Amino acid sequence: GVYVVPNVWHEHAVYLHYICAFYNQLPPLTAFLHGHRTSWHNRQRPAIAQLKHLPLERLAKTKDIYVSFNNGIDLQYCIRAHSIPKEVEGWQAELRAQAHSWERMMAPTLGAPPSGCGGYCCTQFLVSRDRIRGRPHAFWRALLADLLDSDTPDVCKVSGHLLEFTWGYLLGEPSNFTCRKDGWGVGGKELSEQVMHGRRLQPCSYLRGGAGECIYSKHVNS
């Protein structure tokens, strides 16, 4: 079906809405994509083209999948706020500005924020349901409710920029992860060699969010 939800903080509320709504009925794999075909962060190969070449049936049998669709080849688009001093300074400044929101929304589940943060930018990725369920349903629901609460001043909420930094971390990637050119997360080292030998997708369905943001959900047999 088609669900139109408030598009708060760009794609973040849309992604959270999907997780909250389908947490107990998630398919083995879910791909979270933007509504555009290409952008500055994946000029070389559109996300949907990358998705079509993944061996989804094989990957669905694995519980530890996280792969980014954003320019792993061009590492200038990676988040390296754990290894590049200027970026570490930026991360620390972000945490100082967001100390109140981290303490209020993140700390009860995640504890203190990591001192550094590394990963892929721009929040387009394929992830296994076990990674999503690595955080309790209540955590995702509280985060979404807070973003949509018009009575909470925006300055008190977790910012879209902080979420941009931390989606991988929220989904089980280590905070000190360094981007790989193939786009895979820490759990994909043994699987990445199989990527170019996958099958094409079968018919799929879209759940679209406001302002063109969409979530692409591919159900495969577990």
Protein backbone atom coordinates (compact mmCIF):
# COMPACT_ATOMS: atom_id res chain seq x y z
CA GLY A 1 0.00 0.00 0.00
CA VAL A 2 0.87 3.66 -0.16
CA TYR A 3 1.42 5.64 3.04
CA VAL A 4 1.94 9.38 3.06
CA VAL A 5 3.48 10.62 6.29
CA PRO A 6 4.93 13.97 7.38
CA ASN A 7 8.36 14.47 5.86
CA VAL A 8 10.22 15.82 8.89
CA TRP A 9 14.00 16.25 8.83
CA HIS A 10 14.11 15.14 5.20
CA GLU A 11 13.99 11.32 4.95
CA HIS A 12 14.42 10.57 8.65
CA ALA A 13 10.80 10.64 9.82
CA VAL A 14 9.76 8.61 6.77
CA TYR A 15 12.32 5.91 7.50
CA LEU A 16 11.34 5.88 11.16
CA HIS A 17 7.66 5.60 10.29
CA TYR A 18 8.34 2.49 8.24
CA ILE A 19 10.40 0.89 11.00
CA CYS A 20 7.76 1.65 13.62
CA ALA A 21 4.84 0.49 11.49
CA PHE A 22 6.41 -2.79 10.34
CA TYR A 23 8.84 -3.64 13.13
CA ASN A 24 7.15 -6.98 13.86
CA GLN A 25 6.55 -7.84 10.18
CA LEU A 26 9.81 -6.75 8.59
CA PRO A 27 11.02 -8.67 5.53
CA PRO A 28 14.51 -10.19 5.78
CA LEU A 29 15.92 -7.16 3.94
CA THR A 30 14.72 -3.59 3.55
CA ALA A 31 16.23 -0.95 1.26
CA PHE A 32 15.82 2.67 2.30
CA LEU A 33 16.09 5.00 -0.70
CA HIS A 34 15.51 8.62 -1.58
CA GLY A 35 12.86 9.56 -4.14
CA HIS A 36 15.37 10.78 -6.75
CA ARG A 37 17.16 8.49 -9.15
CA THR A 38 20.57 10.16 -8.87
CA SER A 39 22.14 12.87 -6.76
CA TRP A 40 25.55 14.32 -5.92
CA HIS A 41 26.15 11.45 -3.50
CA ASN A 42 25.66 8.65 -6.02
CA ARG A 43 26.35 10.14 -9.44
CA GLN A 44 28.38 7.22 -10.69
CA ARG A 45 25.74 4.55 -10.18
CA PRO A 46 22.11 5.15 -9.11
CA ALA A 47 21.01 3.35 -5.96
CA ILE A 48 18.27 1.44 -7.76
CA ALA A 49 20.84 0.11 -10.28
CA GLN A 50 23.04 -1.09 -7.43
CA LEU A 51 20.07 -2.75 -5.76
CA LYS A 52 19.18 -4.66 -8.91
CA HIS A 53 22.60 -6.31 -8.93
CA LEU A 54 22.63 -7.48 -5.35
CA PRO A 55 22.07 -11.22 -4.74
CA LEU A 56 19.07 -10.55 -2.51
CA GLU A 57 17.96 -14.15 -2.13
CA ARG A 58 21.36 -15.13 -0.75
CA LEU A 59 21.70 -12.02 1.38
CA ALA A 60 18.25 -12.59 2.89
CA LYS A 61 19.63 -15.67 4.61
CA THR A 62 22.21 -13.57 6.43
CA LYS A 63 21.32 -11.63 9.58
CA ASP A 64 24.14 -9.10 9.46
CA ILE A 65 23.63 -7.02 6.31
CA TYR A 66 24.33 -3.32 5.97
CA VAL A 67 25.38 -1.87 2.61
CA SER A 68 25.33 1.75 1.50
CA PHE A 69 24.20 2.92 -1.94
CA ASN A 70 26.12 6.18 -1.67
CA ASN A 71 29.41 6.55 -3.48
CA GLY A 72 31.63 4.14 -1.67
CA ILE A 73 33.92 4.46 -4.69
CA ASP A 74 34.40 8.18 -4.08
CA LEU A 75 35.53 8.25 -0.47
CA GLN A 76 35.27 12.04 -0.20
CA TYR A 77 31.59 11.46 0.60
CA CYS A 78 32.38 9.27 3.60
CA ILE A 79 31.93 10.39 7.18
CA ARG A 80 35.37 10.22 8.77
CA ALA A 81 34.71 12.01 12.05
CA HIS A 82 36.82 9.42 13.87
CA SER A 83 40.04 9.63 11.87
CA ILE A 84 40.28 13.07 10.20
CA PRO A 85 41.01 15.75 12.82
CA LYS A 86 38.88 18.45 11.18
CA GLU A 87 35.92 16.08 10.93
CA VAL A 88 36.40 14.90 14.51
CA GLU A 89 36.21 18.53 15.59
CA GLY A 90 32.99 18.90 13.62
CA TRP A 91 31.53 15.82 15.31
CA GLN A 92 32.46 17.10 18.73
CA ALA A 93 30.85 20.46 17.93
CA GLU A 94 27.73 18.62 16.78
CA LEU A 95 27.60 16.72 20.06
CA ARG A 96 27.96 19.88 22.09
CA ALA A 97 25.09 21.48 20.19
CA GLN A 98 23.01 18.32 20.53
CA ALA A 99 23.90 17.35 24.10
CA HIS A 100 20.37 17.98 25.35
CA SER A 101 18.67 15.95 22.62
CA TRP A 102 21.15 13.05 22.88
CA GLU A 103 20.63 12.88 26.63
CA ARG A 104 16.86 13.00 26.25
CA MET A 105 16.30 10.67 23.28
CA MET A 106 19.42 8.58 22.65
CA ALA A 107 21.17 8.02 25.97
CA PRO A 108 18.49 5.79 27.58
CA THR A 109 19.14 3.18 24.87
CA LEU A 110 22.58 4.01 23.48
CA GLY A 111 24.37 5.48 26.48
CA ALA A 112 26.91 8.24 26.03
CA PRO A 113 27.63 9.32 22.43
CA PRO A 114 30.75 7.90 20.79
CA SER A 115 33.80 10.16 20.77
CA GLY A 116 34.10 9.78 17.01
CA CYS A 117 31.84 8.73 14.17
CA GLY A 118 32.59 7.06 10.86
CA GLY A 119 30.39 5.69 8.08
CA TYR A 120 28.66 6.44 4.81
CA CYS A 121 26.88 9.70 4.18
CA CYS A 122 23.45 10.45 2.86
CA THR A 123 21.31 7.61 4.27
CA GLN A 124 20.55 5.22 1.43
CA PHE A 125 21.17 1.63 2.41
CA LEU A 126 20.09 -2.00 2.46
CA VAL A 127 19.79 -3.50 5.93
CA SER A 128 18.71 -6.80 7.45
CA ARG A 129 15.76 -6.90 9.83
CA ASP A 130 17.98 -8.21 12.63
CA ARG A 131 20.01 -5.01 12.42
CA ILE A 132 16.82 -2.93 12.73
CA ARG A 133 15.60 -5.07 15.62
CA GLY A 134 18.94 -4.62 17.32
CA ARG A 135 17.31 -1.52 18.80
CA PRO A 136 14.02 -2.00 20.65
CA HIS A 137 10.75 -1.02 19.03
CA ALA A 138 10.20 1.50 21.83
CA PHE A 139 13.39 3.33 20.87
CA TRP A 140 12.34 3.84 17.25
CA ARG A 141 8.80 4.80 18.27
CA ALA A 142 9.98 7.38 20.79
CA LEU A 143 12.37 8.93 18.29
CA LEU A 144 9.65 9.22 15.64
CA ALA A 145 7.09 10.59 18.09
CA ASP A 146 9.53 13.24 19.22
CA LEU A 147 10.29 14.37 15.66
CA LEU A 148 6.56 14.67 14.89
CA ASP A 149 5.61 16.38 18.14
CA SER A 150 4.73 19.97 17.26
CA ASP A 151 4.82 20.92 20.94
CA THR A 152 8.53 20.10 21.20
CA PRO A 153 10.71 22.97 19.91
CA ASP A 154 12.93 21.93 17.03
CA VAL A 155 16.01 22.96 18.98
CA CYS A 156 15.20 20.27 21.56
CA LYS A 157 14.90 17.47 19.00
CA VAL A 158 17.61 15.26 17.54
CA SER A 159 18.67 17.14 14.42
CA GLY A 160 18.50 15.76 10.91
CA HIS A 161 22.24 16.34 10.64
CA LEU A 162 22.96 14.21 13.70
CA LEU A 163 20.74 11.45 12.32
CA GLU A 164 22.60 11.72 9.02
CA PHE A 165 25.80 10.93 10.91
CA THR A 166 24.40 8.11 13.00
CA TRP A 167 22.04 5.92 10.94
CA GLY A 168 24.77 3.34 10.43
CA TYR A 169 25.58 3.41 14.14
CA LEU A 170 21.90 3.05 15.05
CA LEU A 171 21.79 -0.01 12.79
CA GLY A 172 24.74 -1.78 14.32
CA GLU A 173 27.77 -0.34 12.54
CA PRO A 174 30.71 0.46 14.85
CA SER A 175 31.23 4.14 15.55
CA ASN A 176 34.80 3.93 14.22
CA PHE A 177 33.82 2.28 10.92
CA THR A 178 35.87 3.33 7.89
CA CYS A 179 34.15 3.39 4.49
CA ARG A 180 34.85 0.63 2.03
CA LYS A 181 34.94 1.32 -1.70
CA ASP A 182 32.34 -1.41 -2.30
CA GLY A 183 29.85 0.24 0.07
CA TRP A 184 29.58 -2.67 2.47
CA GLY A 185 29.38 -2.32 6.21
CA VAL A 186 31.46 -4.19 8.75
CA GLY A 187 29.42 -7.38 8.39
CA GLY A 188 29.85 -7.60 4.63
CA LYS A 189 33.51 -8.46 4.23
CA GLU A 190 32.86 -12.09 3.31
CA LEU A 191 29.78 -11.31 1.20
CA SER A 192 31.07 -8.38 -0.85
CA GLU A 193 32.81 -10.66 -3.35
CA GLN A 194 29.40 -12.05 -4.32
CA VAL A 195 27.82 -8.70 -5.18
CA MET A 196 28.42 -8.68 -8.92
CA HIS A 197 27.00 -12.21 -9.30
CA GLY A 198 23.49 -11.50 -7.97
CA ARG A 199 20.16 -11.92 -9.67
CA ARG A 200 17.84 -9.20 -10.94
CA LEU A 201 14.96 -8.13 -8.76
CA GLN A 202 11.51 -9.60 -8.95
CA PRO A 203 8.41 -7.33 -8.75
CA CYS A 204 8.54 -5.02 -5.77
CA SER A 205 6.49 -2.42 -3.96
CA TYR A 206 7.08 1.18 -2.94
CA LEU A 207 6.06 3.01 0.19
CA ARG A 208 6.33 6.68 -0.63
CA GLY A 209 6.79 9.47 1.84
CA GLY A 210 6.06 13.15 1.55
CA ALA A 211 8.08 15.34 -0.82
CA GLY A 212 9.16 12.40 -2.92
CA GLU A 213 11.01 10.42 -0.30
CA CYS A 214 10.37 6.73 -0.62
CA ILE A 215 11.07 3.43 1.01
CA TYR A 216 11.66 0.45 -1.23
CA SER A 217 10.69 -2.83 0.39
CA LYS A 218 11.69 -6.10 -1.29
CA HIS A 219 10.15 -9.21 0.27
CA VAL A 220 12.16 -12.37 -0.31
CA ASN A 221 11.91 -15.78 1.21
CA SER A 222 13.91 -16.17 4.42
